[in-house]
Amino acid sequence: MLLHIPALLNADELAHCRARLRDAQWTDGRETAGVQSAKTKNNLQLPRDSEACRELGEIVLRALGRNALFNSAVLPYRVSPPLFNRYEGGMRFGAHVDNAIRGILAGGIHTRIRTDVSSTLFFSDPDEYDGGELTIHANGNEQAIKLPAGDMILYPTTVLHSVTPVTRGCRLAAFFWSQSMIAEESRRQIMFDLDMQVTSLRERLGDADPAVLSLTNIYHNMMRQWCLL
């Protein structure tokens, strides 16, 4: 599933994050890359243990928690702490695959998550830089993505992806991974489609309508069968 989530951050959150990122201290982005990915990665990144990374990560996580579209599409069980990167002066990230399992520090406890869904949240507007498209490589095709600041793209972690060279300006973004309660991508798509239909019917017919109640019941019974907790 490739899904565009507009305006994940409100105007105040976006302005604050952009200001903090402009003034932040950056390090080599290969710090968080796997052995294979590090060979094609050339960008800058906020240190994971920095105050700025923790503060901005909490803002992003709060925004995710209130976003109905993200929660419907991902059905998140765990979300990795967001990381933040910067591309400029020809920096790029060649085609690569993200690790299936990532270690994270959550609530002071080291744990691991299975990476089912990847997310990129843009902090730079498209007219602020040239290049820097997030490119999804799947089934012999390429899809280039470049969204307004504050918007986010979701895509399956199973696909190859890359970031084209930034030839003008600066591209700022956050990236992170989610472990879904439903591991199988096609099943997540079914649940998302069903939830969207239930939501549409609720708005038109009301919560007490028999069709709404029946479909809601089906949705939750399917969740009971497919969720891995």
Protein backbone atom coordinates (compact mmCIF):
# COMPACT_ATOMS: atom_id res chain seq x y z
CA MET A 1 0.00 0.00 0.00
CA LEU A 2 1.28 3.41 -1.00
CA LEU A 3 -0.67 6.08 0.88
CA HIS A 4 -0.30 9.87 1.03
CA ILE A 5 -1.32 11.38 4.38
CA PRO A 6 -1.73 15.16 4.03
CA ALA A 7 -1.03 17.63 6.84
CA LEU A 8 0.06 15.14 9.50
CA LEU A 9 1.42 18.10 11.49
CA ASN A 10 -0.55 21.23 12.26
CA ALA A 11 0.87 24.65 11.31
CA ASP A 12 2.43 25.34 14.72
CA GLU A 13 4.05 21.90 14.94
CA LEU A 14 5.43 22.19 11.43
CA ALA A 15 6.89 25.65 12.01
CA HIS A 16 8.50 24.55 15.27
CA CYS A 17 10.01 21.42 13.74
CA ARG A 18 11.37 23.31 10.73
CA ALA A 19 13.02 25.89 12.97
CA ARG A 20 14.59 23.22 15.17
CA LEU A 21 15.87 21.28 12.18
CA ARG A 22 17.43 24.38 10.60
CA ASP A 23 19.45 25.06 13.77
CA ALA A 24 20.29 21.43 14.61
CA GLN A 25 23.70 19.77 14.69
CA TRP A 26 23.95 16.98 12.10
CA THR A 27 26.12 13.86 11.82
CA ASP A 28 26.87 11.24 9.17
CA GLY A 29 23.62 9.45 8.20
CA ARG A 30 25.36 6.10 7.79
CA GLU A 31 25.14 5.69 11.58
CA THR A 32 21.77 3.94 11.30
CA ALA A 33 22.29 2.13 7.99
CA GLY A 34 22.87 -1.58 7.62
CA VAL A 35 26.13 -2.84 6.14
CA GLN A 36 24.74 -3.04 2.61
CA SER A 37 22.71 0.20 2.76
CA ALA A 38 25.67 2.18 4.13
CA LYS A 39 27.49 1.69 0.83
CA THR A 40 24.86 3.74 -1.04
CA LYS A 41 23.85 6.21 1.69
CA ASN A 42 25.13 9.78 1.64
CA ASN A 43 23.19 12.17 3.88
CA LEU A 44 23.16 13.80 7.29
CA GLN A 45 21.13 12.77 10.30
CA LEU A 46 20.22 14.03 13.75
CA PRO A 47 22.01 11.96 16.40
CA ARG A 48 19.49 9.52 17.87
CA ASP A 49 20.34 10.49 21.45
CA SER A 50 20.20 14.26 20.84
CA GLU A 51 17.64 16.46 22.56
CA ALA A 52 16.35 17.71 19.20
CA CYS A 53 15.77 14.18 17.88
CA ARG A 54 13.87 13.14 21.01
CA GLU A 55 11.78 16.32 21.14
CA LEU A 56 10.80 16.29 17.49
CA GLY A 57 10.20 12.54 17.59
CA GLU A 58 7.66 13.00 20.36
CA ILE A 59 5.85 15.63 18.29
CA VAL A 60 5.65 13.24 15.35
CA LEU A 61 4.46 10.34 17.51
CA ARG A 62 1.69 12.47 19.04
CA ALA A 63 0.58 13.49 15.55
CA LEU A 64 0.48 9.84 14.48
CA GLY A 65 -1.63 8.93 17.50
CA ARG A 66 -4.38 11.37 16.52
CA ASN A 67 -4.33 10.62 12.78
CA ALA A 68 -7.17 8.28 11.86
CA LEU A 69 -5.84 7.55 8.36
CA PHE A 70 -2.43 6.40 9.63
CA ASN A 71 -3.97 4.18 12.29
CA SER A 72 -6.48 2.66 9.89
CA ALA A 73 -3.90 1.90 7.21
CA VAL A 74 -1.04 0.71 9.43
CA LEU A 75 -2.85 -0.82 12.43
CA PRO A 76 0.34 -0.12 14.39
CA TYR A 77 1.51 -2.40 17.17
CA ARG A 78 4.87 -0.66 17.62
CA VAL A 79 6.36 2.43 15.97
CA SER A 80 10.08 3.09 16.00
CA PRO A 81 11.25 6.45 17.36
CA PRO A 82 11.36 8.82 14.37
CA LEU A 83 14.74 9.74 12.90
CA PHE A 84 15.50 12.89 10.91
CA ASN A 85 17.70 13.36 7.86
CA ARG A 86 19.08 16.13 5.65
CA TYR A 87 20.13 16.01 2.00
CA GLU A 88 22.01 18.81 0.23
CA GLY A 89 24.91 19.39 -2.16
CA GLY A 90 24.34 16.26 -4.27
CA MET A 91 23.63 13.91 -1.36
CA ARG A 92 21.60 10.83 -2.24
CA PHE A 93 20.61 7.36 -1.07
CA GLY A 94 20.83 4.64 -3.69
CA ALA A 95 18.32 1.83 -4.09
CA HIS A 96 18.23 -0.27 -0.94
CA VAL A 97 16.04 -2.45 1.23
CA ASP A 98 15.45 -1.69 4.91
CA ASN A 99 16.25 -4.30 7.55
CA ALA A 100 13.36 -6.62 8.36
CA ILE A 101 14.08 -6.36 12.10
CA ARG A 102 15.30 -3.23 13.86
CA GLY A 103 16.41 -2.71 17.42
CA ILE A 104 14.83 0.29 19.12
CA LEU A 105 14.89 1.97 22.51
CA ALA A 106 11.33 2.52 23.71
CA GLY A 107 10.56 3.84 27.18
CA GLY A 108 14.11 3.14 28.27
CA ILE A 109 13.86 -0.51 27.24
CA HIS A 110 15.74 -2.07 24.33
CA THR A 111 13.45 -4.14 22.13
CA ARG A 112 13.02 -5.11 18.48
CA ILE A 113 10.31 -4.56 15.91
CA ARG A 114 9.46 -6.20 12.60
CA THR A 115 9.42 -3.46 9.97
CA ASP A 116 6.15 -3.77 8.00
CA VAL A 117 5.45 -0.18 6.96
CA SER A 118 7.92 2.62 6.23
CA SER A 119 7.03 6.30 6.58
CA THR A 120 8.66 9.48 5.28
CA LEU A 121 7.44 12.81 6.65
CA PHE A 122 8.56 15.84 4.63
CA PHE A 123 9.69 19.06 6.32
CA SER A 124 10.82 20.91 3.17
CA ASP A 125 8.42 22.12 0.49
CA PRO A 126 9.07 20.89 -3.07
CA ASP A 127 10.08 24.35 -4.32
CA GLU A 128 12.83 24.59 -1.70
CA TYR A 129 15.04 21.97 -3.35
CA ASP A 130 15.68 20.19 -6.65
CA GLY A 131 15.94 16.43 -6.78
CA GLY A 132 15.47 14.53 -3.55
CA GLU A 133 12.52 12.45 -4.75
CA LEU A 134 11.73 9.37 -2.72
CA THR A 135 11.59 6.73 -5.44
CA ILE A 136 9.76 3.44 -4.99
CA HIS A 137 11.03 0.56 -7.14
CA ALA A 138 8.41 -2.18 -7.53
CA ASN A 139 7.44 -4.64 -10.26
CA GLY A 140 9.85 -3.10 -12.75
CA ASN A 141 8.39 0.39 -12.28
CA GLU A 142 9.57 3.50 -10.46
CA GLN A 143 7.37 6.02 -8.67
CA ALA A 144 8.89 9.34 -7.57
CA ILE A 145 7.38 11.07 -4.52
CA LYS A 146 7.92 14.65 -3.40
CA LEU A 147 5.31 16.03 -0.99
CA PRO A 148 4.55 19.37 0.69
CA ALA A 149 6.07 20.06 4.09
CA GLY A 150 3.99 18.39 6.81
CA ASP A 151 2.73 15.62 4.51
CA MET A 152 3.72 11.96 4.89
CA ILE A 153 3.95 8.95 2.60
CA LEU A 154 3.45 5.36 3.74
CA TYR A 155 4.89 2.47 1.75
CA PRO A 156 5.61 -1.21 2.41
CA THR A 157 9.06 -1.80 3.85
CA THR A 158 9.34 -4.81 1.54
CA VAL A 159 10.04 -2.65 -1.55
CA LEU A 160 13.32 -1.27 -2.82
CA HIS A 161 13.48 2.52 -2.55
CA SER A 162 15.95 5.35 -3.03
CA VAL A 163 16.37 9.13 -2.72
CA THR A 164 17.61 10.95 -5.82
CA PRO A 165 20.48 13.46 -5.51
CA VAL A 166 19.56 16.88 -4.12
CA THR A 167 21.11 19.35 -6.57
CA ARG A 168 19.75 22.60 -5.09
CA GLY A 169 18.61 23.61 -1.63
CA CYS A 170 18.04 21.31 1.32
CA ARG A 171 15.65 18.39 1.84
CA LEU A 172 14.61 17.77 5.46
CA ALA A 173 12.51 14.77 6.46
CA ALA A 174 11.67 12.30 9.20
CA PHE A 175 11.60 8.55 8.65
CA PHE A 176 10.52 5.64 10.78
CA TRP A 177 9.06 2.15 10.68
CA SER A 178 5.93 0.53 12.08
CA GLN A 179 5.20 -3.03 13.07
CA SER A 180 1.58 -3.71 12.22
CA MET A 181 -0.80 -5.90 14.18
CA ILE A 182 -1.40 -7.59 10.80
CA ALA A 183 1.84 -8.76 9.20
CA GLU A 184 0.43 -9.63 5.77
CA GLU A 185 0.25 -6.57 3.51
CA SER A 186 -2.73 -7.79 1.45
CA ARG A 187 -4.73 -8.36 4.63
CA ARG A 188 -3.89 -4.87 5.89
CA GLN A 189 -5.18 -3.50 2.58
CA ILE A 190 -8.46 -5.41 2.99
CA MET A 191 -8.90 -4.09 6.53
CA PHE A 192 -8.13 -0.54 5.41
CA ASP A 193 -10.64 -0.73 2.54
CA LEU A 194 -13.29 -2.15 4.86
CA ASP A 195 -12.65 0.50 7.51
CA MET A 196 -12.97 3.27 4.91
CA GLN A 197 -16.33 1.86 3.80
CA VAL A 198 -17.57 1.56 7.37
CA THR A 199 -16.53 5.15 8.04
CA SER A 200 -18.34 6.36 4.93
CA LEU A 201 -21.52 4.48 5.86
CA ARG A 202 -21.41 5.80 9.43
CA GLU A 203 -21.29 9.36 8.13
CA ARG A 204 -24.25 8.79 5.81
CA LEU A 205 -26.43 6.40 7.81
CA GLY A 206 -25.41 6.83 11.45
CA ASP A 207 -23.90 4.39 13.93
CA ALA A 208 -27.17 2.57 14.66
CA ASP A 209 -27.91 1.56 11.07
CA PRO A 210 -28.07 -2.27 10.71
CA ALA A 211 -25.65 -2.30 7.76
CA VAL A 212 -23.13 -0.22 9.70
CA LEU A 213 -23.42 -2.49 12.73
CA SER A 214 -23.05 -5.61 10.59
CA LEU A 215 -19.95 -4.39 8.77
CA THR A 216 -18.41 -3.15 12.02
CA ASN A 217 -18.93 -6.61 13.48
CA ILE A 218 -17.29 -8.20 10.45
CA TYR A 219 -14.33 -5.81 10.72
CA HIS A 220 -13.63 -6.69 14.34
CA ASN A 221 -14.09 -10.42 13.80
CA MET A 222 -11.55 -10.29 10.97
CA MET A 223 -9.17 -8.38 13.25
CA ARG A 224 -9.48 -11.16 15.85
CA GLN A 225 -8.51 -13.74 13.26
CA TRP A 226 -5.64 -11.86 11.61
CA CYS A 227 -3.99 -9.88 14.40
CA LEU A 228 -0.71 -11.20 15.76
CA LEU A 229 -0.24 -9.97 19.34
